[in-house]
Protein backbone atom coordinates (compact mmCIF):
# COMPACT_ATOMS: atom_id res chain seq x y z
CA UNK A 1 -84.43 -30.02 95.56
CA UNK A 2 -81.33 -29.16 97.53
CA UNK A 3 -77.78 -29.90 96.38
CA UNK A 4 -75.64 -31.43 99.05
CA UNK A 5 -71.92 -30.72 99.53
CA UNK A 6 -71.20 -34.22 98.32
CA UNK A 7 -73.13 -33.58 95.09
CA UNK A 8 -71.36 -30.25 94.51
CA UNK A 9 -68.00 -31.97 94.92
CA UNK A 10 -68.97 -34.59 92.34
CA UNK A 11 -70.15 -31.91 89.93
CA UNK A 12 -66.87 -30.00 90.29
CA UNK A 13 -64.91 -33.22 89.66
CA UNK A 14 -66.97 -33.91 86.54
CA UNK A 15 -66.55 -30.39 85.17
CA UNK A 16 -62.79 -30.30 85.77
CA UNK A 17 -62.30 -33.78 84.29
CA UNK A 18 -64.37 -32.81 81.22
CA UNK A 19 -62.47 -29.57 80.71
CA UNK A 20 -59.16 -31.38 81.26
CA UNK A 21 -60.05 -34.04 78.71
CA UNK A 22 -61.07 -31.36 76.22
CA UNK A 23 -57.73 -29.58 76.66
CA UNK A 24 -55.84 -32.86 76.17
CA UNK A 25 -57.86 -33.69 73.04
CA UNK A 26 -57.38 -30.16 71.68
CA UNK A 27 -53.65 -30.31 72.37
CA UNK A 28 -53.42 -33.70 70.64
CA UNK A 29 -55.31 -32.41 67.58
CA UNK A 30 -53.12 -29.29 67.46
CA UNK A 31 -49.93 -31.37 67.72
CA UNK A 32 -51.18 -33.69 64.96
CA UNK A 33 -52.00 -30.71 62.73
CA UNK A 34 -48.55 -29.20 63.32
CA UNK A 35 -46.93 -32.57 62.51
CA UNK A 36 -48.95 -32.93 59.28
CA UNK A 37 -48.21 -29.34 58.26
CA UNK A 38 -44.50 -29.86 59.01
CA UNK A 39 -44.43 -33.09 57.02
CA UNK A 40 -45.81 -31.14 54.05
CA UNK A 41 -42.95 -28.66 54.30
CA UNK A 42 -45.11 -25.86 55.70
CA UNK A 43 -44.92 -23.74 58.84
CA UNK A 44 -47.41 -21.86 61.00
CA UNK A 45 -46.53 -18.17 61.39
CA UNK A 46 -47.10 -16.24 64.66
CA UNK A 47 -50.28 -14.76 63.16
CA UNK A 48 -51.52 -18.35 62.54
CA UNK A 49 -51.03 -18.35 58.76
CA UNK A 50 -49.77 -21.46 57.00
CA UNK A 51 -46.86 -20.78 54.65
CA UNK A 52 -44.95 -23.08 52.28
CA UNK A 53 -41.20 -23.43 52.77
CA UNK A 54 -38.21 -24.63 50.74
CA UNK A 55 -35.60 -27.35 51.15
CA UNK A 56 -31.90 -27.41 50.24
CA UNK A 57 -30.18 -30.76 49.69
CA UNK A 58 -26.37 -30.76 49.92
CA UNK A 59 -24.41 -33.08 47.60
CA UNK A 60 -20.75 -32.58 48.46
CA UNK A 61 -17.41 -34.34 48.04
CA UNK A 62 -17.24 -34.22 51.85
CA UNK A 63 -19.37 -36.83 53.64
CA UNK A 64 -22.08 -35.75 56.15
CA UNK A 65 -20.10 -37.45 58.93
CA UNK A 66 -17.04 -35.37 58.02
CA UNK A 67 -19.19 -32.21 58.00
CA UNK A 68 -19.99 -32.87 61.65
CA UNK A 69 -16.53 -34.13 62.62
CA UNK A 70 -14.64 -31.17 61.12
CA UNK A 71 -17.22 -28.63 62.33
CA UNK A 72 -18.05 -27.37 58.86
CA UNK A 73 -20.64 -24.60 59.16
CA UNK A 74 -23.49 -23.98 56.74
CA UNK A 75 -24.83 -20.42 56.76
CA UNK A 76 -28.12 -19.37 55.18
CA UNK A 77 -28.17 -15.61 54.73
CA UNK A 78 -25.34 -15.46 57.30
CA UNK A 79 -27.24 -17.47 59.93
CA UNK A 80 -25.95 -20.93 60.86
CA UNK A 81 -28.42 -23.75 60.23
CA UNK A 82 -28.62 -27.41 61.19
CA UNK A 83 -28.22 -30.15 58.59
CA UNK A 84 -30.07 -33.44 58.91
CA UNK A 85 -29.26 -36.23 56.44
CA UNK A 86 -27.74 -33.73 53.97
CA UNK A 87 -30.96 -31.68 54.06
CA UNK A 88 -31.83 -28.20 55.35
CA UNK A 89 -35.58 -27.81 55.83
CA UNK A 90 -38.17 -25.09 56.50
CA UNK A 91 -36.35 -22.33 54.63
CA UNK A 92 -38.07 -19.14 53.64
CA UNK A 93 -38.52 -18.92 49.83
CA UNK A 94 -36.79 -16.12 47.96
CA UNK A 95 -33.26 -14.92 47.26
CA UNK A 96 -30.86 -16.86 49.45
CA UNK A 97 -27.09 -16.96 49.93
CA UNK A 98 -25.66 -20.31 51.01
CA UNK A 99 -22.18 -20.14 52.50
CA UNK A 100 -20.05 -23.02 53.77
CA UNK A 101 -17.26 -22.11 56.16
CA UNK A 102 -14.49 -24.24 57.65
CA UNK A 103 -10.97 -23.88 59.00
CA UNK A 104 -9.80 -26.85 56.92
CA UNK A 105 -11.46 -25.98 53.59
CA UNK A 106 -11.72 -22.94 51.37
CA UNK A 107 -15.00 -21.07 51.76
CA UNK A 108 -17.78 -21.91 49.30
CA UNK A 109 -20.90 -19.91 48.51
CA UNK A 110 -23.82 -19.93 46.11
CA UNK A 111 -26.75 -17.63 45.37
CA UNK A 112 -30.12 -19.42 45.00
CA UNK A 113 -33.65 -18.23 44.42
CA UNK A 114 -35.62 -20.67 46.57
CA UNK A 115 -39.07 -21.69 45.34
CA UNK A 116 -41.89 -22.81 47.68
CA UNK A 117 -42.27 -26.59 48.13
CA UNK A 118 -39.24 -27.31 45.93
CA UNK A 119 -36.09 -29.28 46.83
CA UNK A 120 -33.02 -27.38 45.59
CA UNK A 121 -29.87 -29.48 45.06
CA UNK A 122 -26.49 -27.81 45.52
CA UNK A 123 -23.09 -29.36 44.80
CA UNK A 124 -20.40 -27.72 46.93
CA UNK A 125 -16.92 -29.01 46.11
CA UNK A 126 -14.77 -28.17 49.12
CA UNK A 127 -11.05 -27.75 48.46
CA UNK A 128 -8.60 -28.27 51.35
CA UNK A 129 -6.94 -25.03 52.50
CA UNK A 130 -3.44 -26.43 52.08
CA UNK A 131 -3.92 -28.27 48.79
CA UNK A 132 -0.54 -28.04 47.08
CA UNK A 133 -1.01 -27.62 43.30
CA UNK A 134 2.51 -26.23 42.78
CA UNK A 135 4.06 -29.45 43.98
CA UNK A 136 2.20 -31.35 41.24
CA UNK A 137 2.38 -28.91 38.34
CA UNK A 138 6.00 -27.78 38.84
CA UNK A 139 6.65 -25.34 35.96
CA UNK A 140 2.94 -24.98 35.11
CA UNK A 141 0.25 -22.68 36.41
CA UNK A 142 -3.48 -23.36 36.75
CA UNK A 143 -5.57 -21.36 34.30
CA UNK A 144 -8.98 -22.97 34.72
CA UNK A 145 -10.62 -25.98 36.37
CA UNK A 146 -13.86 -27.91 35.97
CA UNK A 147 -15.45 -30.64 38.09
CA UNK A 148 -17.42 -33.40 36.35
CA UNK A 149 -21.18 -33.52 36.93
CA UNK A 150 -20.86 -36.66 39.05
CA UNK A 151 -18.30 -34.86 41.29
CA UNK A 152 -15.66 -37.59 40.91
CA UNK A 153 -13.16 -35.99 38.52
CA UNK A 154 -11.35 -32.66 38.39
CA UNK A 155 -10.15 -31.31 35.01
CA UNK A 156 -7.35 -28.74 35.21
CA UNK A 157 -6.28 -26.42 32.40
CA UNK A 158 -2.61 -25.61 32.95
CA UNK A 159 -0.24 -23.32 31.09
CA UNK A 160 3.33 -24.62 30.72
CA UNK A 161 5.78 -21.74 31.18
CA UNK A 162 8.66 -23.81 29.77
CA UNK A 163 6.95 -24.17 26.35
CA UNK A 164 5.70 -20.63 25.61
CA UNK A 165 2.49 -21.06 27.62
CA UNK A 166 1.36 -24.14 25.72
CA UNK A 167 -1.81 -25.47 27.35
CA UNK A 168 -2.40 -28.92 28.80
CA UNK A 169 -5.57 -30.55 30.12
CA UNK A 170 -5.01 -32.65 33.24
CA UNK A 171 -7.44 -35.14 34.76
CA UNK A 172 -7.47 -35.96 38.47
CA UNK A 173 -9.67 -38.51 40.24
CA UNK A 174 -10.80 -36.85 43.46
CA UNK A 175 -10.53 -40.13 45.36
CA UNK A 176 -6.77 -39.87 44.77
CA UNK A 177 -6.24 -36.85 47.02
CA UNK A 178 -3.25 -37.72 49.21
CA UNK A 179 -1.97 -36.23 52.44
CA UNK A 180 1.76 -35.45 52.60
CA UNK A 181 4.01 -35.78 55.66
CA UNK A 182 3.69 -32.08 56.48
CA UNK A 183 -0.13 -32.32 56.50
CA UNK A 184 -0.70 -30.69 53.09
CA UNK A 185 -2.61 -32.31 50.23
CA UNK A 186 -1.74 -33.16 46.67
CA UNK A 187 -3.57 -34.72 43.72
CA UNK A 188 -2.36 -37.39 41.31
CA UNK A 189 -3.01 -36.12 37.78
CA UNK A 190 -2.87 -37.45 34.22
CA UNK A 191 -2.24 -35.33 31.16
CA UNK A 192 -5.11 -36.26 28.82
CA UNK A 193 -4.73 -33.55 26.17
CA UNK A 194 -1.97 -31.23 24.95
CA UNK A 195 -3.26 -28.29 22.90
CA UNK A 196 -1.48 -27.06 19.80
CA UNK A 197 -0.28 -23.46 19.56
CA UNK A 198 -3.46 -22.19 17.89
CA UNK A 199 -5.83 -23.68 20.46
CA UNK A 200 -3.50 -22.68 23.30
CA UNK A 201 -3.65 -19.08 22.05
CA UNK A 202 -7.48 -19.17 22.00
CA UNK A 203 -7.60 -20.60 25.52
CA UNK A 204 -5.20 -17.97 26.85
CA UNK A 205 -7.00 -15.05 25.22
CA UNK A 206 -10.73 -15.88 25.39
CA UNK A 207 -13.33 -17.06 27.88
CA UNK A 208 -14.61 -20.61 27.41
CA UNK A 209 -16.73 -23.35 28.95
CA UNK A 210 -15.58 -26.95 29.24
CA UNK A 211 -18.02 -29.89 29.43
CA UNK A 212 -16.60 -33.41 29.89
CA UNK A 213 -18.64 -36.33 28.53
CA UNK A 214 -20.35 -38.74 30.92
CA UNK A 215 -17.51 -41.28 30.71
CA UNK A 216 -14.80 -38.54 30.63
CA UNK A 217 -13.40 -39.88 27.34
CA UNK A 218 -14.29 -36.68 25.46
CA UNK A 219 -14.85 -33.03 26.16
CA UNK A 220 -16.44 -29.95 24.61
CA UNK A 221 -14.84 -26.51 24.66
CA UNK A 222 -17.21 -23.69 23.76
CA UNK A 223 -15.92 -20.15 23.17
CA UNK A 224 -18.87 -17.87 23.86
CA UNK A 225 -17.48 -14.71 22.26
CA UNK A 226 -16.11 -16.47 19.17
CA UNK A 227 -19.18 -18.72 18.80
CA UNK A 228 -16.87 -21.65 18.15
CA UNK A 229 -17.08 -25.13 19.64
CA UNK A 230 -14.42 -27.86 19.67
CA UNK A 231 -14.71 -31.55 20.54
CA UNK A 232 -11.66 -33.18 22.17
CA UNK A 233 -10.95 -36.90 22.41
CA UNK A 234 -9.11 -37.35 25.69
CA UNK A 235 -6.38 -39.96 26.25
CA UNK A 236 -3.03 -40.33 27.97
CA UNK A 237 -1.15 -40.64 24.68
CA UNK A 238 -0.55 -36.93 24.15
CA UNK A 239 1.26 -37.62 20.84
CA UNK A 240 -2.00 -38.86 19.34
CA UNK A 241 -4.42 -36.00 20.00
CA UNK A 242 -7.66 -35.82 18.05
CA UNK A 243 -10.08 -32.90 17.99
CA UNK A 244 -12.36 -31.11 15.56
CA UNK A 245 -14.30 -27.88 15.24
CA UNK A 246 -17.99 -28.78 15.45
CA UNK A 247 -19.03 -25.74 13.39
CA UNK A 248 -17.31 -27.34 10.37
CA UNK A 249 -19.10 -30.67 10.84
CA UNK A 250 -22.57 -29.15 11.26
CA UNK A 251 -22.16 -26.36 8.69
CA UNK A 252 -23.79 -23.95 11.12
CA UNK A 253 -22.99 -22.23 14.41
CA UNK A 254 -24.60 -23.85 17.47
CA UNK A 255 -26.11 -21.55 20.10
CA UNK A 256 -26.01 -24.11 22.90
CA UNK A 257 -24.68 -27.63 23.41
CA UNK A 258 -25.35 -30.38 25.97
CA UNK A 259 -24.26 -33.99 26.27
CA UNK A 260 -26.93 -36.64 25.63
CA UNK A 261 -24.54 -39.51 26.40
CA UNK A 262 -20.80 -40.10 25.97
CA UNK A 263 -20.97 -40.03 22.14
CA UNK A 264 -23.93 -37.82 21.31
CA UNK A 265 -24.55 -34.12 21.71
CA UNK A 266 -27.78 -32.15 21.86
CA UNK A 267 -27.28 -29.10 19.64
CA UNK A 268 -29.44 -25.96 19.73
CA UNK A 269 -29.37 -23.78 16.62
CA UNK A 270 -31.72 -20.80 16.88
CA UNK A 271 -35.03 -22.56 17.72
CA UNK A 272 -34.08 -25.96 16.27
CA UNK A 273 -32.82 -29.06 18.11
CA UNK A 274 -30.47 -31.72 16.69
CA UNK A 275 -28.90 -34.96 17.91
CA UNK A 276 -25.27 -35.21 16.73
CA UNK A 277 -22.93 -38.22 17.12
CA UNK A 278 -19.31 -37.07 17.54
CA UNK A 279 -17.86 -40.42 16.36
CA UNK A 280 -20.07 -41.29 13.37
CA UNK A 281 -20.99 -37.69 12.37
CA UNK A 282 -24.62 -38.83 12.19
CA UNK A 283 -27.10 -36.02 12.78
CA UNK A 284 -30.81 -36.38 13.51
CA UNK A 285 -33.51 -33.76 13.78
CA UNK A 286 -35.21 -33.66 17.18
CA UNK A 287 -37.39 -30.60 16.69
CA UNK A 288 -37.75 -27.82 14.13
CA UNK A 289 -39.51 -24.57 14.92
CA UNK A 290 -39.71 -21.01 13.60
CA UNK A 291 -39.47 -19.65 17.16
CA UNK A 292 -38.39 -21.20 20.43
CA UNK A 293 -41.78 -22.12 21.88
CA UNK A 294 -40.63 -25.04 24.02
CA UNK A 295 -38.61 -26.16 27.02
CA UNK A 296 -36.87 -29.52 27.35
CA UNK A 297 -35.15 -31.82 29.82
CA UNK A 298 -32.60 -34.60 29.23
CA UNK A 299 -32.54 -37.87 31.17
CA UNK A 300 -30.79 -41.21 30.66
CA UNK A 301 -33.41 -42.63 28.28
CA UNK A 302 -34.99 -39.70 26.47
CA UNK A 303 -35.43 -35.99 25.89
CA UNK A 304 -38.82 -34.67 27.02
CA UNK A 305 -39.96 -31.53 25.23
CA UNK A 306 -42.94 -29.38 26.19
CA UNK A 307 -44.60 -26.86 23.89
CA UNK A 308 -45.44 -23.52 25.49
CA UNK A 309 -47.92 -22.24 22.90
CA UNK A 310 -50.16 -25.31 23.23
CA UNK A 311 -50.43 -28.15 25.75
CA UNK A 312 -48.29 -30.75 23.95
CA UNK A 313 -45.53 -33.00 25.22
CA UNK A 314 -43.01 -34.88 23.07
CA UNK A 315 -40.40 -37.50 23.89
CA UNK A 316 -37.29 -38.23 21.83
CA UNK A 317 -36.00 -41.73 22.55
CA UNK A 318 -32.19 -42.00 22.68
CA UNK A 319 -32.20 -45.51 21.20
CA UNK A 320 -34.84 -45.34 18.47
CA UNK A 321 -34.03 -41.67 17.70
CA UNK A 322 -37.70 -41.02 17.07
CA UNK A 323 -39.89 -38.27 18.41
CA UNK A 324 -43.31 -39.25 19.73
CA UNK A 325 -46.11 -37.05 21.00
CA UNK A 326 -47.25 -37.91 24.52
CA UNK A 327 -51.00 -37.89 25.07
CA UNK A 328 -51.93 -35.07 27.41
CA UNK A 329 -55.26 -34.65 29.23
CA UNK A 330 -57.70 -32.06 27.95
CA UNK A 331 -57.36 -29.98 31.12
CA UNK A 332 -53.55 -30.05 30.96
CA UNK A 333 -52.09 -26.66 31.88
CA UNK A 334 -48.51 -25.79 31.05
CA UNK A 335 -46.66 -25.29 34.34
């Protein structure tokens, strides 16, 4: 049998069309695989290995639109990155320095150890370059400042030079930042606590942490070196200031303290956990242990506690104030 030129032409057409279709199909499959891998937060390396990446989510007092409008730069390990919907994706896990740079705001940076396949939330509070504190505080100087967890309120510790460095605690709602005629900024503040001479002396001489309650009606001051903790009731009537030393109420020295809600505090003492109400002085046992063999997390409804030595989970309900064991599967492995 002889193959005619016409037949050879048809064969060539068939072969090329088949090969072409195969390339298109292969390209489609490859593109689909890359899309699926990308959606899972993974990347393909040049040597064709699939690696997991990390994500950073930015929660700032400056809106995403303003980030773009004012040309605020976000640098990851000194390389500028793009932000999409407050999120930076496909980051290499490991030690990372996040730096935010702008002509209009003071520089902000944070060190993070990025974990694979984990979303890391950061909360940069950007302060305008020409924010004028002196105009507001007059004879006072700023000693310390703390931003509330919901990023809406700034608490300022100021020392009044006209009254022998007596300390005041000022509260400022961040939505009340005003622009002056010369283009500078100022903040409207309220004096919510005036410290007596003894507490003022402690604040001026020792390091401390300040934790406002969820509704900002109270605050905790913890002196790490002194191992002393004070609860303040904040109000605008500075002549009626109430506070107490929590060590005296508990009859022991707390190692660590966290807010449960606006009236109750989670107290760690050695390896024991307690629920303490700052208004009623009621104290409840959450967990007692000879050694700290657990980790815990606080949310709006409960405290979830996980034992390390054995696969057991407990929940402490904020309302019932009871601890219940959560059933765990037999193959449960502590993370």
